[in-house]
Amino acid sequence: MNDFKFSKREKVYLLLALAVLAMLFVSSSMTYHEQKMKPGFIHTYLGWLEDWIQRLNIYYGGVWHNVKTDGSAGFTQFVVRKTAHFGSYFLYGLFAYLGLRRVFVISWTGPFFVWATAFAFAAMDEFHQFLTGDRTPTVHDVMLDASGACLAIVLAVIYYLLKGRAERKKSAI
């Protein structure tokens, strides 16, 4: 029988992954108007972002988004919201992978399992938004969320592959 025990660090990573999921659940429970940033807030605290993104043109969900079509505050809010989608699932993917990577006997199953759970949570989160008033769930957000988790997992796998290679090289000397 395998006497696997999570390290203290792995437990922290898993708690952080759960905290991200809890934050996502609370966020998707809020209506759009409860989450909406006021233009004054955007200009005061995110003015640097407005200046930085003013020339961007983003095609998302079959619609072009930019300052001209959405207005400066609206486009900034769009970028912040989509970055939050991507970033939240990036963090979930990273923390869940770091917490679970030693659990899996077959190495490729760990990254796949974590990505599949991120994808499933993203789909459930969009369904939860469907149940919340004044929200528009989209398949595009599920794909964006799953992409964030995928990037984090791929970067972590590459890190551990390079780290293992460096350690083998060092021990061979």
N, C-alpha and C. Protein backbone atom coordinates (compact mmCIF):
# COMPACT_ATOMS: atom_id res chain seq x y z
N MET A 1 0.83 -1.19 0.00
CA MET A 1 0.00 0.00 0.00
C MET A 1 0.87 1.25 0.00
N ASN A 2 0.45 2.23 -0.73
CA ASN A 2 1.20 3.47 -0.84
C ASN A 2 0.86 4.38 0.34
N ASP A 3 1.88 4.87 1.01
CA ASP A 3 1.69 5.77 2.16
C ASP A 3 1.97 7.21 1.74
N PHE A 4 1.30 7.65 0.70
CA PHE A 4 1.49 9.00 0.20
C PHE A 4 0.98 10.01 1.21
N LYS A 5 1.77 11.03 1.44
CA LYS A 5 1.37 12.14 2.30
C LYS A 5 1.69 13.44 1.58
N PHE A 6 0.74 14.37 1.65
CA PHE A 6 0.97 15.69 1.08
C PHE A 6 1.96 16.44 1.95
N SER A 7 2.88 17.15 1.30
CA SER A 7 3.80 18.01 2.04
C SER A 7 3.03 19.25 2.50
N LYS A 8 3.63 19.98 3.40
CA LYS A 8 3.01 21.22 3.88
C LYS A 8 2.82 22.20 2.72
N ARG A 9 3.81 22.28 1.85
CA ARG A 9 3.75 23.19 0.69
C ARG A 9 2.60 22.78 -0.24
N GLU A 10 2.46 21.47 -0.49
CA GLU A 10 1.38 21.00 -1.37
C GLU A 10 0.01 21.31 -0.77
N LYS A 11 -0.10 21.18 0.54
CA LYS A 11 -1.38 21.52 1.19
C LYS A 11 -1.70 23.00 1.02
N VAL A 12 -0.69 23.85 1.12
CA VAL A 12 -0.89 25.29 0.92
C VAL A 12 -1.34 25.56 -0.51
N TYR A 13 -0.69 24.91 -1.47
CA TYR A 13 -1.09 25.09 -2.87
C TYR A 13 -2.55 24.65 -3.09
N LEU A 14 -2.94 23.54 -2.50
CA LEU A 14 -4.31 23.07 -2.66
C LEU A 14 -5.30 24.02 -2.00
N LEU A 15 -4.94 24.57 -0.84
CA LEU A 15 -5.80 25.56 -0.19
C LEU A 15 -5.93 26.82 -1.04
N LEU A 16 -4.83 27.23 -1.66
CA LEU A 16 -4.87 28.39 -2.55
C LEU A 16 -5.76 28.11 -3.77
N ALA A 17 -5.69 26.90 -4.31
CA ALA A 17 -6.55 26.53 -5.44
C ALA A 17 -8.02 26.59 -5.01
N LEU A 18 -8.32 26.09 -3.84
CA LEU A 18 -9.69 26.15 -3.32
C LEU A 18 -10.13 27.59 -3.07
N ALA A 19 -9.22 28.43 -2.60
CA ALA A 19 -9.54 29.84 -2.38
C ALA A 19 -9.88 30.54 -3.70
N VAL A 20 -9.15 30.21 -4.76
CA VAL A 20 -9.45 30.78 -6.08
C VAL A 20 -10.84 30.34 -6.52
N LEU A 21 -11.15 29.05 -6.34
CA LEU A 21 -12.48 28.56 -6.72
C LEU A 21 -13.58 29.24 -5.91
N ALA A 22 -13.34 29.46 -4.62
CA ALA A 22 -14.32 30.13 -3.77
C ALA A 22 -14.53 31.57 -4.24
N MET A 23 -13.44 32.25 -4.58
CA MET A 23 -13.52 33.61 -5.08
C MET A 23 -14.31 33.66 -6.39
N LEU A 24 -14.07 32.68 -7.25
CA LEU A 24 -14.80 32.61 -8.52
C LEU A 24 -16.29 32.38 -8.29
N PHE A 25 -16.63 31.53 -7.32
CA PHE A 25 -18.03 31.27 -7.02
C PHE A 25 -18.72 32.54 -6.53
N VAL A 26 -18.07 33.26 -5.63
CA VAL A 26 -18.64 34.51 -5.12
C VAL A 26 -18.80 35.52 -6.25
N SER A 27 -17.78 35.62 -7.08
CA SER A 27 -17.82 36.57 -8.19
C SER A 27 -18.95 36.24 -9.16
N SER A 28 -19.13 34.97 -9.47
CA SER A 28 -20.18 34.62 -10.44
C SER A 28 -21.57 34.68 -9.81
N SER A 29 -21.64 34.84 -8.49
CA SER A 29 -22.93 35.02 -7.82
C SER A 29 -23.42 36.46 -7.89
N MET A 30 -22.52 37.36 -8.26
CA MET A 30 -22.85 38.78 -8.31
C MET A 30 -23.40 39.14 -9.69
N THR A 31 -24.36 40.03 -9.71
CA THR A 31 -24.87 40.50 -11.00
C THR A 31 -23.83 41.39 -11.66
N TYR A 32 -24.03 41.63 -12.93
CA TYR A 32 -23.11 42.49 -13.68
C TYR A 32 -23.03 43.88 -13.05
N HIS A 33 -24.16 44.42 -12.64
CA HIS A 33 -24.18 45.77 -12.05
C HIS A 33 -23.46 45.82 -10.70
N GLU A 34 -23.48 44.71 -9.95
CA GLU A 34 -22.75 44.67 -8.69
C GLU A 34 -21.24 44.66 -8.93
N GLN A 35 -20.83 44.14 -10.07
CA GLN A 35 -19.40 44.05 -10.39
C GLN A 35 -18.91 45.24 -11.21
N LYS A 36 -19.81 45.97 -11.82
CA LYS A 36 -19.43 47.02 -12.76
C LYS A 36 -18.60 48.11 -12.08
N MET A 37 -17.53 48.46 -12.74
CA MET A 37 -16.68 49.54 -12.26
C MET A 37 -17.20 50.86 -12.79
N LYS A 38 -17.23 51.84 -11.97
CA LYS A 38 -17.68 53.17 -12.37
C LYS A 38 -16.57 53.87 -13.15
N PRO A 39 -16.95 54.68 -14.17
CA PRO A 39 -15.93 55.39 -14.95
C PRO A 39 -14.97 56.21 -14.08
N GLY A 40 -15.47 56.82 -13.02
CA GLY A 40 -14.59 57.60 -12.13
C GLY A 40 -13.52 56.73 -11.49
N PHE A 41 -13.90 55.52 -11.09
CA PHE A 41 -12.93 54.57 -10.52
C PHE A 41 -11.90 54.19 -11.57
N ILE A 42 -12.38 53.91 -12.77
CA ILE A 42 -11.48 53.50 -13.85
C ILE A 42 -10.49 54.61 -14.17
N HIS A 43 -10.99 55.85 -14.33
CA HIS A 43 -10.10 56.96 -14.67
C HIS A 43 -9.10 57.24 -13.54
N THR A 44 -9.56 57.12 -12.29
CA THR A 44 -8.69 57.42 -11.16
C THR A 44 -7.65 56.34 -10.92
N TYR A 45 -8.08 55.07 -10.90
CA TYR A 45 -7.18 53.98 -10.51
C TYR A 45 -6.62 53.18 -11.68
N LEU A 46 -7.28 53.24 -12.81
CA LEU A 46 -6.83 52.46 -13.96
C LEU A 46 -6.51 53.33 -15.17
N GLY A 47 -6.24 54.61 -14.92
CA GLY A 47 -5.90 55.52 -16.00
C GLY A 47 -4.68 55.05 -16.78
N TRP A 48 -3.71 54.48 -16.09
CA TRP A 48 -2.51 53.96 -16.75
C TRP A 48 -2.87 52.84 -17.72
N LEU A 49 -3.87 52.02 -17.35
CA LEU A 49 -4.30 50.93 -18.22
C LEU A 49 -5.06 51.48 -19.43
N GLU A 50 -5.90 52.49 -19.18
CA GLU A 50 -6.62 53.13 -20.29
C GLU A 50 -5.64 53.64 -21.34
N ASP A 51 -4.58 54.30 -20.88
CA ASP A 51 -3.58 54.83 -21.80
C ASP A 51 -2.88 53.70 -22.56
N TRP A 52 -2.62 52.61 -21.88
CA TRP A 52 -1.87 51.50 -22.46
C TRP A 52 -2.68 50.73 -23.50
N ILE A 53 -3.99 50.59 -23.29
CA ILE A 53 -4.81 49.75 -24.17
C ILE A 53 -5.57 50.53 -25.24
N GLN A 54 -5.42 51.84 -25.27
CA GLN A 54 -6.26 52.65 -26.17
C GLN A 54 -6.12 52.28 -27.65
N ARG A 55 -5.02 51.68 -28.05
CA ARG A 55 -4.83 51.32 -29.46
C ARG A 55 -5.16 49.86 -29.75
N LEU A 56 -5.53 49.11 -28.71
CA LEU A 56 -5.85 47.69 -28.91
C LEU A 56 -7.19 47.52 -29.61
N ASN A 57 -7.28 46.44 -30.34
CA ASN A 57 -8.49 46.03 -31.03
C ASN A 57 -8.63 44.54 -30.76
N ILE A 58 -9.60 44.13 -29.97
CA ILE A 58 -9.71 42.74 -29.56
C ILE A 58 -11.00 42.14 -30.12
N TYR A 59 -10.84 41.04 -30.83
CA TYR A 59 -11.99 40.32 -31.37
C TYR A 59 -12.33 39.21 -30.38
N TYR A 60 -13.49 39.31 -29.75
CA TYR A 60 -13.87 38.36 -28.71
C TYR A 60 -15.36 38.08 -28.79
N GLY A 61 -15.70 36.83 -28.87
CA GLY A 61 -17.12 36.47 -28.90
C GLY A 61 -17.85 36.96 -30.12
N GLY A 62 -17.13 37.08 -31.24
CA GLY A 62 -17.77 37.51 -32.48
C GLY A 62 -17.94 39.02 -32.60
N VAL A 63 -17.33 39.78 -31.69
CA VAL A 63 -17.48 41.23 -31.68
C VAL A 63 -16.10 41.88 -31.50
N TRP A 64 -15.88 42.97 -32.21
CA TRP A 64 -14.66 43.74 -32.01
C TRP A 64 -14.86 44.67 -30.81
N HIS A 65 -13.87 44.66 -29.93
CA HIS A 65 -13.88 45.54 -28.75
C HIS A 65 -12.69 46.48 -28.85
N ASN A 66 -12.96 47.76 -28.66
CA ASN A 66 -11.91 48.77 -28.65
C ASN A 66 -12.48 50.04 -28.03
N VAL A 67 -11.65 51.06 -27.92
CA VAL A 67 -12.09 52.32 -27.31
C VAL A 67 -13.20 52.96 -28.13
N LYS A 68 -13.10 52.85 -29.45
CA LYS A 68 -14.09 53.49 -30.32
C LYS A 68 -15.48 52.87 -30.14
N THR A 69 -15.56 51.54 -30.06
CA THR A 69 -16.86 50.87 -29.97
C THR A 69 -17.40 50.81 -28.53
N ASP A 70 -16.50 50.65 -27.55
CA ASP A 70 -16.93 50.45 -26.16
C ASP A 70 -16.78 51.69 -25.29
N GLY A 71 -16.08 52.69 -25.79
CA GLY A 71 -15.74 53.84 -24.95
C GLY A 71 -14.52 53.48 -24.11
N SER A 72 -13.83 54.48 -23.66
CA SER A 72 -12.59 54.25 -22.92
C SER A 72 -12.83 53.44 -21.64
N ALA A 73 -13.80 53.86 -20.83
CA ALA A 73 -14.08 53.16 -19.57
C ALA A 73 -14.64 51.76 -19.84
N GLY A 74 -15.52 51.63 -20.84
CA GLY A 74 -16.10 50.34 -21.16
C GLY A 74 -15.07 49.35 -21.66
N PHE A 75 -14.14 49.82 -22.50
CA PHE A 75 -13.11 48.94 -23.02
C PHE A 75 -12.13 48.55 -21.92
N THR A 76 -11.79 49.49 -21.05
CA THR A 76 -10.91 49.18 -19.93
C THR A 76 -11.56 48.13 -19.04
N GLN A 77 -12.84 48.29 -18.78
CA GLN A 77 -13.56 47.31 -17.96
C GLN A 77 -13.57 45.94 -18.65
N PHE A 78 -13.78 45.91 -19.95
CA PHE A 78 -13.75 44.66 -20.71
C PHE A 78 -12.40 43.97 -20.55
N VAL A 79 -11.32 44.72 -20.73
CA VAL A 79 -9.96 44.15 -20.61
C VAL A 79 -9.72 43.64 -19.19
N VAL A 80 -10.14 44.40 -18.19
CA VAL A 80 -9.96 43.97 -16.80
C VAL A 80 -10.74 42.70 -16.52
N ARG A 81 -11.98 42.62 -16.99
CA ARG A 81 -12.82 41.45 -16.75
C ARG A 81 -12.24 40.21 -17.42
N LYS A 82 -11.79 40.34 -18.65
CA LYS A 82 -11.25 39.17 -19.37
C LYS A 82 -9.89 38.78 -18.80
N THR A 83 -9.11 39.74 -18.37
CA THR A 83 -7.85 39.43 -17.71
C THR A 83 -8.11 38.70 -16.39
N ALA A 84 -9.15 39.09 -15.68
CA ALA A 84 -9.52 38.42 -14.43
C ALA A 84 -9.94 36.98 -14.71
N HIS A 85 -10.70 36.75 -15.78
CA HIS A 85 -11.07 35.39 -16.16
C HIS A 85 -9.81 34.55 -16.37
N PHE A 86 -8.94 35.02 -17.26
CA PHE A 86 -7.73 34.30 -17.61
C PHE A 86 -6.84 34.11 -16.38
N GLY A 87 -6.64 35.18 -15.64
CA GLY A 87 -5.74 35.15 -14.49
C GLY A 87 -6.22 34.26 -13.36
N SER A 88 -7.52 34.27 -13.10
CA SER A 88 -8.06 33.43 -12.03
C SER A 88 -7.84 31.96 -12.32
N TYR A 89 -8.11 31.56 -13.54
CA TYR A 89 -7.92 30.16 -13.90
C TYR A 89 -6.45 29.82 -14.10
N PHE A 90 -5.64 30.79 -14.46
CA PHE A 90 -4.18 30.58 -14.47
C PHE A 90 -3.73 30.20 -13.07
N LEU A 91 -4.18 30.99 -12.07
CA LEU A 91 -3.79 30.70 -10.69
C LEU A 91 -4.35 29.36 -10.22
N TYR A 92 -5.62 29.08 -10.54
CA TYR A 92 -6.17 27.78 -10.16
C TYR A 92 -5.35 26.63 -10.77
N GLY A 93 -5.06 26.72 -12.07
CA GLY A 93 -4.29 25.67 -12.74
C GLY A 93 -2.92 25.50 -12.12
N LEU A 94 -2.26 26.60 -11.83
CA LEU A 94 -0.93 26.55 -11.23
C LEU A 94 -0.98 25.93 -9.83
N PHE A 95 -1.84 26.46 -8.98
CA PHE A 95 -1.91 25.95 -7.60
C PHE A 95 -2.37 24.50 -7.54
N ALA A 96 -3.37 24.14 -8.34
CA ALA A 96 -3.86 22.76 -8.33
C ALA A 96 -2.78 21.81 -8.83
N TYR A 97 -2.07 22.20 -9.89
CA TYR A 97 -1.00 21.34 -10.41
C TYR A 97 0.12 21.19 -9.38
N LEU A 98 0.54 22.29 -8.78
CA LEU A 98 1.63 22.21 -7.80
C LEU A 98 1.22 21.39 -6.59
N GLY A 99 -0.06 21.45 -6.23
CA GLY A 99 -0.53 20.68 -5.09
C GLY A 99 -0.72 19.20 -5.38
N LEU A 100 -0.98 18.87 -6.65
CA LEU A 100 -1.33 17.48 -6.98
C LEU A 100 -0.29 16.75 -7.83
N ARG A 101 0.75 17.40 -8.27
CA ARG A 101 1.62 16.81 -9.27
C ARG A 101 2.28 15.51 -8.83
N ARG A 102 2.54 15.32 -7.55
CA ARG A 102 3.17 14.07 -7.09
C ARG A 102 2.16 12.94 -6.89
N VAL A 103 0.87 13.25 -6.92
CA VAL A 103 -0.17 12.25 -6.66
C VAL A 103 -0.26 11.23 -7.78
N PHE A 104 -0.02 11.66 -9.01
CA PHE A 104 -0.28 10.82 -10.17
C PHE A 104 0.91 9.94 -10.50
N VAL A 105 0.66 8.64 -10.65
CA VAL A 105 1.71 7.68 -10.97
C VAL A 105 2.19 7.88 -12.41
N ILE A 106 1.27 8.10 -13.31
CA ILE A 106 1.61 8.36 -14.71
C ILE A 106 1.70 9.87 -14.88
N SER A 107 2.89 10.36 -15.20
CA SER A 107 3.16 11.80 -15.14
C SER A 107 2.23 12.66 -15.99
N TRP A 108 1.84 12.22 -17.18
CA TRP A 108 1.00 13.05 -18.04
C TRP A 108 -0.43 13.18 -17.54
N THR A 109 -0.86 12.28 -16.66
CA THR A 109 -2.25 12.34 -16.20
C THR A 109 -2.49 13.51 -15.24
N GLY A 110 -1.47 13.91 -14.50
CA GLY A 110 -1.61 15.04 -13.58
C GLY A 110 -1.99 16.33 -14.28
N PRO A 111 -1.18 16.76 -15.26
CA PRO A 111 -1.54 17.99 -15.98
C PRO A 111 -2.90 17.88 -16.67
N PHE A 112 -3.18 16.74 -17.26
CA PHE A 112 -4.47 16.57 -17.94
C PHE A 112 -5.63 16.65 -16.95
N PHE A 113 -5.49 15.99 -15.79
CA PHE A 113 -6.54 16.01 -14.78
C PHE A 113 -6.81 17.42 -14.29
N VAL A 114 -5.75 18.16 -13.98
CA VAL A 114 -5.91 19.53 -13.47
C VAL A 114 -6.56 20.41 -14.54
N TRP A 115 -6.11 20.27 -15.81
CA TRP A 115 -6.72 21.07 -16.87
C TRP A 115 -8.19 20.69 -17.04
N ALA A 116 -8.51 19.40 -16.99
CA ALA A 116 -9.90 18.96 -17.15
C ALA A 116 -10.78 19.49 -16.02
N THR A 117 -10.24 19.53 -14.79
CA THR A 117 -11.04 20.09 -13.69
C THR A 117 -11.23 21.59 -13.88
N ALA A 118 -10.20 22.27 -14.37
CA ALA A 118 -10.33 23.72 -14.63
C ALA A 118 -11.40 23.95 -15.70
N PHE A 119 -11.38 23.15 -16.74
CA PHE A 119 -12.37 23.27 -17.80
C PHE A 119 -13.78 23.02 -17.25
N ALA A 120 -13.91 21.99 -16.43
CA ALA A 120 -15.21 21.67 -15.84
C ALA A 120 -15.68 22.78 -14.90
N PHE A 121 -14.77 23.30 -14.08
CA PHE A 121 -15.14 24.40 -13.18
C PHE A 121 -15.54 25.64 -13.97
N ALA A 122 -14.83 25.91 -15.07
CA ALA A 122 -15.16 27.07 -15.90
C ALA A 122 -16.57 26.92 -16.49
N ALA A 123 -16.88 25.71 -16.96
CA ALA A 123 -18.22 25.48 -17.53
C ALA A 123 -19.29 25.62 -16.45
N MET A 124 -19.01 25.07 -15.25
CA MET A 124 -19.98 25.19 -14.15
C MET A 124 -20.13 26.64 -13.71
N ASP A 125 -19.03 27.38 -13.75
CA ASP A 125 -19.07 28.80 -13.38
C ASP A 125 -19.94 29.59 -14.35
N GLU A 126 -19.82 29.30 -15.63
CA GLU A 126 -20.66 29.98 -16.61
C GLU A 126 -22.13 29.58 -16.43
N PHE A 127 -22.38 28.33 -16.11
CA PHE A 127 -23.76 27.91 -15.84
C PHE A 127 -24.30 28.64 -14.61
N HIS A 128 -23.45 28.78 -13.59
CA HIS A 128 -23.84 29.52 -12.39
C HIS A 128 -24.17 30.97 -12.74
N GLN A 129 -23.41 31.55 -13.65
CA GLN A 129 -23.71 32.92 -14.09
C GLN A 129 -25.06 32.96 -14.81
N PHE A 130 -25.38 31.90 -15.55
CA PHE A 130 -26.67 31.81 -16.23
C PHE A 130 -27.81 31.89 -15.22
N LEU A 131 -27.60 31.29 -14.04
CA LEU A 131 -28.63 31.29 -13.00
C LEU A 131 -28.70 32.62 -12.26
N THR A 132 -27.64 33.41 -12.38
CA THR A 132 -27.57 34.72 -11.73
C THR A 132 -28.18 35.76 -12.66
N GLY A 133 -28.97 36.63 -12.13
CA GLY A 133 -29.59 37.66 -12.96
C GLY A 133 -28.58 38.60 -13.58
N ASP A 134 -28.91 39.12 -14.76
CA ASP A 134 -28.12 40.16 -15.39
C ASP A 134 -26.71 39.71 -15.77
N ARG A 135 -26.52 38.43 -16.05
CA ARG A 135 -25.21 37.92 -16.48
C ARG A 135 -25.36 37.22 -17.81
N THR A 136 -24.32 37.22 -18.59
CA THR A 136 -24.34 36.58 -19.89
C THR A 136 -23.23 35.53 -19.96
N PRO A 137 -23.58 34.27 -19.72
CA PRO A 137 -22.56 33.22 -19.81
C PRO A 137 -22.20 32.96 -21.28
N THR A 138 -20.93 32.69 -21.54
CA THR A 138 -20.51 32.42 -22.91
C THR A 138 -19.51 31.28 -22.96
N VAL A 139 -19.53 30.57 -24.06
CA VAL A 139 -18.55 29.51 -24.31
C VAL A 139 -17.17 30.14 -24.44
N HIS A 140 -17.11 31.38 -24.94
CA HIS A 140 -15.83 32.07 -25.10
C HIS A 140 -15.12 32.23 -23.77
N ASP A 141 -15.89 32.54 -22.71
CA ASP A 141 -15.28 32.68 -21.39
C ASP A 141 -14.76 31.34 -20.88
N VAL A 142 -15.47 30.25 -21.16
CA VAL A 142 -14.99 28.92 -20.76
C VAL A 142 -13.65 28.64 -21.44
N MET A 143 -13.56 28.96 -22.73
CA MET A 143 -12.32 28.73 -23.47
C MET A 143 -11.19 29.62 -22.94
N LEU A 144 -11.51 30.86 -22.61
CA LEU A 144 -10.51 31.77 -22.05
C LEU A 144 -10.02 31.24 -20.70
N ASP A 145 -10.95 30.80 -19.86
CA ASP A 145 -10.59 30.26 -18.56
C ASP A 145 -9.71 29.01 -18.70
N ALA A 146 -10.12 28.10 -19.57
CA ALA A 146 -9.36 26.86 -19.77
C ALA A 146 -7.98 27.16 -20.33
N SER A 147 -7.88 28.20 -21.16
CA SER A 147 -6.57 28.60 -21.70
C SER A 147 -5.65 29.13 -20.61
N GLY A 148 -6.21 29.89 -19.68
CA GLY A 148 -5.41 30.37 -18.56
C GLY A 148 -4.85 29.23 -17.73
N ALA A 149 -5.69 28.25 -17.42
CA ALA A 149 -5.24 27.08 -16.65
C ALA A 149 -4.20 26.30 -17.45
N CYS A 150 -4.45 26.13 -18.73
CA CYS A 150 -3.53 25.38 -19.58
C CYS A 150 -2.14 26.03 -19.62
N LEU A 151 -2.10 27.33 -19.78
CA LEU A 151 -0.82 28.03 -19.81
C LEU A 151 -0.05 27.83 -18.50
N ALA A 152 -0.73 27.96 -17.38
CA ALA A 152 -0.06 27.79 -16.09
C ALA A 152 0.50 26.37 -15.95
N ILE A 153 -0.29 25.39 -16.34
CA ILE A 153 0.13 24.00 -16.23
C ILE A 153 1.33 23.73 -17.14
N VAL A 154 1.26 24.20 -18.37
CA VAL A 154 2.36 24.00 -19.32
C VAL A 154 3.64 24.66 -18.80
N LEU A 155 3.54 25.87 -18.29
CA LEU A 155 4.72 26.55 -17.75
C LEU A 155 5.29 25.79 -16.55
N ALA A 156 4.42 25.27 -15.68
CA ALA A 156 4.90 24.51 -14.52
C ALA A 156 5.56 23.20 -14.96
N VAL A 157 4.98 22.51 -15.93
CA VAL A 157 5.57 21.26 -16.44
C VAL A 157 6.94 21.54 -17.05
N ILE A 158 7.03 22.60 -17.85
CA ILE A 158 8.32 22.95 -18.45
C ILE A 158 9.34 23.26 -17.36
N TYR A 159 8.93 24.02 -16.35
CA TYR A 159 9.82 24.34 -15.24
C TYR A 159 10.36 23.07 -14.58
N TYR A 160 9.48 22.13 -14.27
CA TYR A 160 9.92 20.91 -13.60
C TYR A 160 10.74 20.01 -14.52
N LEU A 161 10.47 20.02 -15.82
CA LEU A 161 11.31 19.26 -16.75
C LEU A 161 12.72 19.85 -16.80
N LEU A 162 12.80 21.17 -16.90
CA LEU A 162 14.12 21.83 -16.93
C LEU A 162 14.86 21.66 -15.60
N LYS A 163 14.13 21.75 -14.51
CA LYS A 163 14.73 21.57 -13.19
C LYS A 163 15.28 20.15 -13.04
N GLY A 164 14.50 19.16 -13.48
CA GLY A 164 14.95 17.77 -13.40
C GLY A 164 16.18 17.53 -14.26
N ARG A 165 16.17 18.12 -15.47
CA ARG A 165 17.33 17.97 -16.36
C ARG A 165 18.57 18.59 -15.73
N ALA A 166 18.43 19.77 -15.14
CA ALA A 166 19.57 20.44 -14.50
C ALA A 166 20.08 19.63 -13.31
N GLU A 167 19.17 19.05 -12.53
CA GLU A 167 19.58 18.24 -11.38
C GLU A 167 20.29 16.97 -11.83
N ARG A 168 19.82 16.35 -12.90
CA ARG A 168 20.49 15.13 -13.42
C ARG A 168 21.88 15.46 -13.95
N LYS A 169 22.00 16.60 -14.62
CA LYS A 169 23.28 17.04 -15.14
C LYS A 169 24.25 17.30 -13.99
N LYS A 170 23.74 17.95 -12.95
CA LYS A 170 24.59 18.29 -11.81
C LYS A 170 25.05 17.04 -11.08
N SER A 171 24.16 16.06 -10.92
CA SER A 171 24.53 14.84 -10.20
C SER A 171 25.44 13.95 -11.04
N ALA A 172 25.45 14.12 -12.36
CA ALA A 172 26.31 13.34 -13.24
C ALA A 172 27.75 13.84 -13.20
N ILE A 173 27.93 15.04 -12.72
CA ILE A 173 29.28 15.64 -12.70
C ILE A 173 30.08 15.09 -11.55
